[in-house]
Structures are given as structure tokens and as C-alpha cells.
Amino acid sequence: MHWELCIQYANGTEQVLRAFRDLETAENCVDRLYAKGYPMHIAYLIRLAYAA
């Protein structure tokens, strides 16, 4: 499976930051981002990537 690391803004829009093949690697990336602090106006999320 392929996973996408996305940033979600307060207005609901999302942007893909990076794609991963391994869920654990994607989760580690989010952990490193949140280690710098929890922003109030955005969220980082991981979702399953769908082929177009």
C-alpha cells in the first residue's frame, strides 16, 4: 500500500506533502513534525493513496 502525508488547513483544504510505501515511516515523519510543537491552524494526517 502507498500512504500520503498531508497537511490540512483550518479551512478544510489539504495538500500532499510526501508519499510513503510504509505506514510506520509515514507515522515517524508525523511524529518528528509534531515534536516541534502542535500548530493551532493546521493538522498533519496520513491517508491511503489512491491510484488515479
N, C-alpha and C. Protein backbone atom coordinates (compact mmCIF):
# COMPACT_ATOMS: atom_id res chain seq x y z
N MET A 1 0.83 -1.19 0.00
CA MET A 1 0.00 0.00 0.00
C MET A 1 0.88 1.25 0.00
N HIS A 2 0.31 2.31 -0.48
CA HIS A 2 1.00 3.59 -0.50
C HIS A 2 0.23 4.57 0.38
N TRP A 3 0.97 5.42 1.06
CA TRP A 3 0.40 6.36 2.01
C TRP A 3 0.85 7.78 1.67
N GLU A 4 -0.01 8.76 1.94
CA GLU A 4 0.31 10.16 1.69
C GLU A 4 0.30 10.92 3.00
N LEU A 5 1.33 11.71 3.20
CA LEU A 5 1.38 12.64 4.32
C LEU A 5 0.81 13.95 3.82
N CYS A 6 -0.25 14.41 4.46
CA CYS A 6 -0.94 15.62 4.02
C CYS A 6 -0.93 16.66 5.14
N ILE A 7 -1.07 17.90 4.72
CA ILE A 7 -1.28 18.99 5.66
C ILE A 7 -2.71 19.46 5.42
N GLN A 8 -3.46 19.60 6.50
CA GLN A 8 -4.84 20.06 6.41
C GLN A 8 -4.94 21.41 7.10
N TYR A 9 -5.44 22.38 6.36
CA TYR A 9 -5.56 23.74 6.88
C TYR A 9 -6.91 23.94 7.56
N ALA A 10 -7.04 25.02 8.31
CA ALA A 10 -8.25 25.31 9.07
C ALA A 10 -9.49 25.43 8.17
N ASN A 11 -9.30 25.85 6.93
CA ASN A 11 -10.44 25.99 6.02
C ASN A 11 -10.84 24.68 5.35
N GLY A 12 -10.16 23.58 5.69
CA GLY A 12 -10.50 22.26 5.19
C GLY A 12 -9.73 21.81 3.97
N THR A 13 -8.95 22.68 3.37
CA THR A 13 -8.16 22.27 2.21
C THR A 13 -6.99 21.42 2.65
N GLU A 14 -6.58 20.54 1.75
CA GLU A 14 -5.47 19.63 2.03
C GLU A 14 -4.43 19.72 0.92
N GLN A 15 -3.20 19.44 1.29
CA GLN A 15 -2.10 19.41 0.33
C GLN A 15 -1.22 18.22 0.67
N VAL A 16 -0.88 17.43 -0.33
CA VAL A 16 0.00 16.28 -0.13
C VAL A 16 1.43 16.79 -0.02
N LEU A 17 2.10 16.41 1.07
CA LEU A 17 3.48 16.81 1.27
C LEU A 17 4.46 15.76 0.77
N ARG A 18 4.11 14.49 0.98
CA ARG A 18 5.04 13.42 0.63
C ARG A 18 4.28 12.10 0.56
N ALA A 19 4.79 11.17 -0.21
CA ALA A 19 4.20 9.84 -0.32
C ALA A 19 5.16 8.81 0.27
N PHE A 20 4.60 7.77 0.87
CA PHE A 20 5.38 6.71 1.51
C PHE A 20 4.83 5.35 1.10
N ARG A 21 5.71 4.35 1.13
CA ARG A 21 5.28 2.97 0.90
C ARG A 21 4.99 2.25 2.21
N ASP A 22 5.55 2.75 3.30
CA ASP A 22 5.44 2.10 4.60
C ASP A 22 4.72 3.02 5.58
N LEU A 23 3.66 2.54 6.19
CA LEU A 23 2.89 3.34 7.13
C LEU A 23 3.72 3.78 8.33
N GLU A 24 4.55 2.90 8.84
CA GLU A 24 5.37 3.23 10.00
C GLU A 24 6.32 4.40 9.70
N THR A 25 6.89 4.44 8.52
CA THR A 25 7.77 5.54 8.13
C THR A 25 6.98 6.85 8.08
N ALA A 26 5.77 6.80 7.55
CA ALA A 26 4.92 7.98 7.50
C ALA A 26 4.58 8.47 8.91
N GLU A 27 4.27 7.54 9.80
CA GLU A 27 3.95 7.91 11.18
C GLU A 27 5.15 8.53 11.88
N ASN A 28 6.34 8.01 11.62
CA ASN A 28 7.55 8.59 12.21
C ASN A 28 7.77 10.02 11.72
N CYS A 29 7.46 10.27 10.46
CA CYS A 29 7.59 11.61 9.91
C CYS A 29 6.64 12.58 10.62
N VAL A 30 5.41 12.16 10.84
CA VAL A 30 4.44 13.00 11.57
C VAL A 30 4.91 13.23 12.99
N ASP A 31 5.44 12.22 13.63
CA ASP A 31 5.97 12.37 14.99
C ASP A 31 7.07 13.42 15.04
N ARG A 32 7.95 13.41 14.05
CA ARG A 32 9.03 14.42 14.00
C ARG A 32 8.47 15.82 13.78
N LEU A 33 7.44 15.93 12.95
CA LEU A 33 6.83 17.25 12.72
C LEU A 33 6.18 17.77 13.99
N TYR A 34 5.44 16.92 14.69
CA TYR A 34 4.76 17.35 15.91
C TYR A 34 5.72 17.53 17.09
N ALA A 35 6.92 16.98 17.00
CA ALA A 35 7.90 17.16 18.06
C ALA A 35 8.32 18.63 18.17
N LYS A 36 8.12 19.37 17.08
CA LYS A 36 8.45 20.79 17.07
C LYS A 36 7.34 21.64 17.68
N GLY A 37 6.21 21.03 18.03
CA GLY A 37 5.08 21.73 18.61
C GLY A 37 3.81 21.44 17.83
N TYR A 38 2.69 21.71 18.44
CA TYR A 38 1.39 21.46 17.83
C TYR A 38 0.81 22.77 17.32
N PRO A 39 0.80 22.98 16.02
CA PRO A 39 0.24 24.21 15.46
C PRO A 39 -1.28 24.23 15.62
N MET A 40 -1.84 25.39 15.82
CA MET A 40 -3.28 25.52 16.03
C MET A 40 -4.06 25.59 14.72
N HIS A 41 -3.46 26.01 13.65
CA HIS A 41 -4.20 26.27 12.42
C HIS A 41 -4.01 25.21 11.33
N ILE A 42 -3.23 24.18 11.59
CA ILE A 42 -3.03 23.10 10.62
C ILE A 42 -2.98 21.75 11.33
N ALA A 43 -3.15 20.70 10.55
CA ALA A 43 -3.00 19.34 11.08
C ALA A 43 -2.27 18.51 10.04
N TYR A 44 -1.44 17.62 10.50
CA TYR A 44 -0.76 16.66 9.62
C TYR A 44 -1.53 15.35 9.71
N LEU A 45 -1.79 14.74 8.59
CA LEU A 45 -2.51 13.47 8.60
C LEU A 45 -1.95 12.54 7.54
N ILE A 46 -2.21 11.28 7.75
CA ILE A 46 -1.77 10.23 6.83
C ILE A 46 -3.02 9.58 6.27
N ARG A 47 -3.04 9.44 4.96
CA ARG A 47 -4.18 8.78 4.34
C ARG A 47 -3.68 7.80 3.28
N LEU A 48 -4.52 6.86 2.97
CA LEU A 48 -4.22 5.87 1.95
C LEU A 48 -4.20 6.57 0.59
N ALA A 49 -3.17 6.33 -0.17
CA ALA A 49 -3.06 6.94 -1.51
C ALA A 49 -3.83 6.09 -2.50
N TYR A 50 -4.60 6.72 -3.32
CA TYR A 50 -5.37 6.03 -4.36
C TYR A 50 -4.75 6.28 -5.71
N ALA A 51 -4.68 5.27 -6.51
CA ALA A 51 -4.13 5.41 -7.87
C ALA A 51 -5.17 6.09 -8.75
N ALA A 52 -4.70 6.99 -9.59
CA ALA A 52 -5.62 7.70 -10.48
C ALA A 52 -5.88 6.91 -11.74
